C-alpha atoms as a PDB file:
ATOM      1  CA  MET A   1       0.000   0.000   0.000  1.00  0.00           C
ATOM      2  CA  ARG A   2       2.861   2.380   0.682  1.00  0.00           C
ATOM      3  CA  ILE A   3       3.993   2.331  -2.945  1.00  0.00           C
ATOM      4  CA  LEU A   4       0.455   3.022  -4.144  1.00  0.00           C
ATOM      5  CA  TRP A   5       0.213   5.893  -1.673  1.00  0.00           C
ATOM      6  CA  GLU A   6       3.466   7.444  -2.879  1.00  0.00           C
ATOM      7  CA  LEU A   7       2.391   7.224  -6.524  1.00  0.00           C
ATOM      8  CA  ARG A   8      -0.975   8.911  -5.919  1.00  0.00           C
ATOM      9  CA  ASP A   9       0.328  12.348  -6.968  1.00  0.00           C
ATOM     10  CA  GLY A  10       2.103  11.177 -10.108  1.00  0.00           C
ATOM     11  CA  PRO A  11       4.923   9.072 -11.521  1.00  0.00           C
ATOM     12  CA  LEU A  12       8.196   8.531  -9.675  1.00  0.00           C
ATOM     13  CA  GLY A  13      11.472   6.916 -10.630  1.00  0.00           C
ATOM     14  CA  ALA A  14      12.779   3.977  -8.624  1.00  0.00           C
ATOM     15  CA  ARG A  15      15.267   6.079  -6.625  1.00  0.00           C
ATOM     16  CA  ALA A  16      12.680   8.694  -5.698  1.00  0.00           C
ATOM     17  CA  LEU A  17      10.165   5.999  -4.851  1.00  0.00           C
ATOM     18  CA  ARG A  18      12.704   4.216  -2.672  1.00  0.00           C
ATOM     19  CA  ALA A  19      13.471   7.458  -0.818  1.00  0.00           C
ATOM     20  CA  GLN A  20       9.751   8.150  -0.351  1.00  0.00           C
ATOM     21  CA  THR A  21       9.217   4.690   1.153  1.00  0.00           C
ATOM     22  CA  GLY A  22      11.751   5.119   3.927  1.00  0.00           C
ATOM     23  CA  ASP A  23      14.672   3.624   2.008  1.00  0.00           C
ATOM     24  CA  MET A  24      12.936   0.283   1.473  1.00  0.00           C
ATOM     25  CA  SER A  25      15.518  -2.181   0.213  1.00  0.00           C
ATOM     26  CA  SER A  26      15.864  -2.285  -3.568  1.00  0.00           C
ATOM     27  CA  SER A  27      15.012  -5.973  -3.724  1.00  0.00           C
ATOM     28  CA  VAL A  28      11.790  -5.494  -1.737  1.00  0.00           C
ATOM     29  CA  LEU A  29      10.849  -2.414  -3.781  1.00  0.00           C
ATOM     30  CA  TYR A  30      11.274  -4.208  -7.093  1.00  0.00           C
ATOM     31  CA  GLU A  31       9.463  -7.283  -5.798  1.00  0.00           C
ATOM     32  CA  ARG A  32       6.492  -5.110  -4.750  1.00  0.00           C
ATOM     33  CA  LEU A  33       6.534  -3.211  -8.044  1.00  0.00           C
ATOM     34  CA  THR A  34       6.454  -6.526  -9.917  1.00  0.00           C
ATOM     35  CA  GLU A  35       3.522  -7.729  -7.803  1.00  0.00           C
ATOM     36  CA  LEU A  36       1.651  -4.446  -8.300  1.00  0.00           C
ATOM     37  CA  GLY A  37       2.379  -4.603 -12.025  1.00  0.00           C
ATOM     38  CA  ASP A  38       1.073  -8.180 -12.215  1.00  0.00           C
ATOM     39  CA  ALA A  39      -2.057  -6.961 -10.423  1.00  0.00           C
ATOM     40  CA  ARG A  40      -2.322  -4.154 -13.020  1.00  0.00           C
ATOM     41  CA  LEU A  41      -2.239  -1.428 -10.372  1.00  0.00           C
ATOM     42  CA  VAL A  42       1.149   0.062 -11.377  1.00  0.00           C
ATOM     43  CA  ARG A  43       2.993   0.288 -14.675  1.00  0.00           C
ATOM     44  CA  GLN A  44       6.404   1.464 -15.768  1.00  0.00           C
ATOM     45  CA  CYS A  45       6.404   4.392 -18.206  1.00  0.00           C
ATOM     46  CA  GLU A  46       8.692   4.711 -21.214  1.00  0.00           C
ATOM     47  CA  ASN A  47      10.912   7.048 -19.181  1.00  0.00           C
ATOM     48  CA  ARG A  48      11.258   4.189 -16.612  1.00  0.00           C
ATOM     49  CA  GLU A  49       9.216   5.975 -13.945  1.00  0.00           C
ATOM     50  CA  TYR A  50       6.383   4.121 -12.246  1.00  0.00           C
ATOM     51  CA  GLU A  51       2.791   5.311 -12.220  1.00  0.00           C
ATOM     52  CA  LEU A  52      -0.626   4.141 -11.135  1.00  0.00           C
ATOM     53  CA  THR A  53      -2.835   2.578 -13.761  1.00  0.00           C
ATOM     54  CA  GLN A  54      -6.508   3.479 -14.021  1.00  0.00           C
ATOM     55  CA  LEU A  55      -7.245   0.515 -11.733  1.00  0.00           C
ATOM     56  CA  GLY A  56      -4.652   1.808  -9.267  1.00  0.00           C
ATOM     57  CA  HIS A  57      -6.334   5.218  -9.205  1.00  0.00           C
ATOM     58  CA  GLU A  58      -9.731   3.570  -8.756  1.00  0.00           C
ATOM     59  CA  LEU A  59      -8.424   1.558  -5.811  1.00  0.00           C
ATOM     60  CA  GLY A  60      -7.301   4.799  -4.174  1.00  0.00           C
ATOM     61  CA  GLN A  61     -10.743   6.292  -4.679  1.00  0.00           C
ATOM     62  CA  ALA A  62     -12.396   3.152  -3.302  1.00  0.00           C
ATOM     63  CA  ILE A  63     -10.407   3.210  -0.046  1.00  0.00           C
ATOM     64  CA  GLU A  64     -10.679   6.973   0.482  1.00  0.00           C
ATOM     65  CA  PRO A  65     -13.823   6.589   2.656  1.00  0.00           C
ATOM     66  CA  LEU A  66     -11.942   4.114   4.854  1.00  0.00           C
ATOM     67  CA  ASP A  67      -9.114   6.630   5.260  1.00  0.00           C
ATOM     68  CA  LYS A  68     -11.581   9.336   6.295  1.00  0.00           C
ATOM     69  CA  TRP A  69     -13.167   6.972   8.802  1.00  0.00           C
ATOM     70  CA  ALA A  70      -9.742   6.028  10.214  1.00  0.00           C
ATOM     71  CA  GLN A  71      -8.841   9.698  10.663  1.00  0.00           C
ATOM     72  CA  ARG A  72     -12.112  10.357  12.553  1.00  0.00           C
ATOM     73  CA  TRP A  73     -11.525   7.259  14.681  1.00  0.00           C
ATOM     74  CA  ALA A  74      -7.967   8.328  15.517  1.00  0.00           C
ATOM     75  CA  ARG A  75      -9.222  11.744  16.684  1.00  0.00           C
ATOM     76  CA  GLU A  76     -11.606  10.023  19.107  1.00  0.00           C
ATOM     77  CA  LEU A  77      -8.989   7.750  20.657  1.00  0.00           C
ATOM     78  CA  PRO A  78      -7.605   8.828  24.015  1.00  0.00           C
ATOM     79  CA  LEU A  79      -4.149  10.414  23.847  1.00  0.00           C
ATOM     80  CA  SER A  80      -2.773   8.124  26.544  1.00  0.00           C
ATOM     81  CA  PRO A  81      -3.789   4.690  27.842  1.00  0.00           C
ATOM     82  CA  SER A  82      -6.285   4.788  30.709  1.00  0.00           C
END
């Protein structure tokens, strides 16, 4: 999910994507990109950057309500354990 999140604003090259994902190891990054490509959520552009496919964008739109709910829930949680 982190890779999808980082690509939501537009294409990124592998180095930029790796930096955005907290310096995820190269092998893990490429493994995830392959999996996301096989799932047709991410594709590699001609300039070798990675971008979301239409399905990838639609997935982001589909989970947006869950994100809004999670943010509301987090605001209602106590700041410290009782």
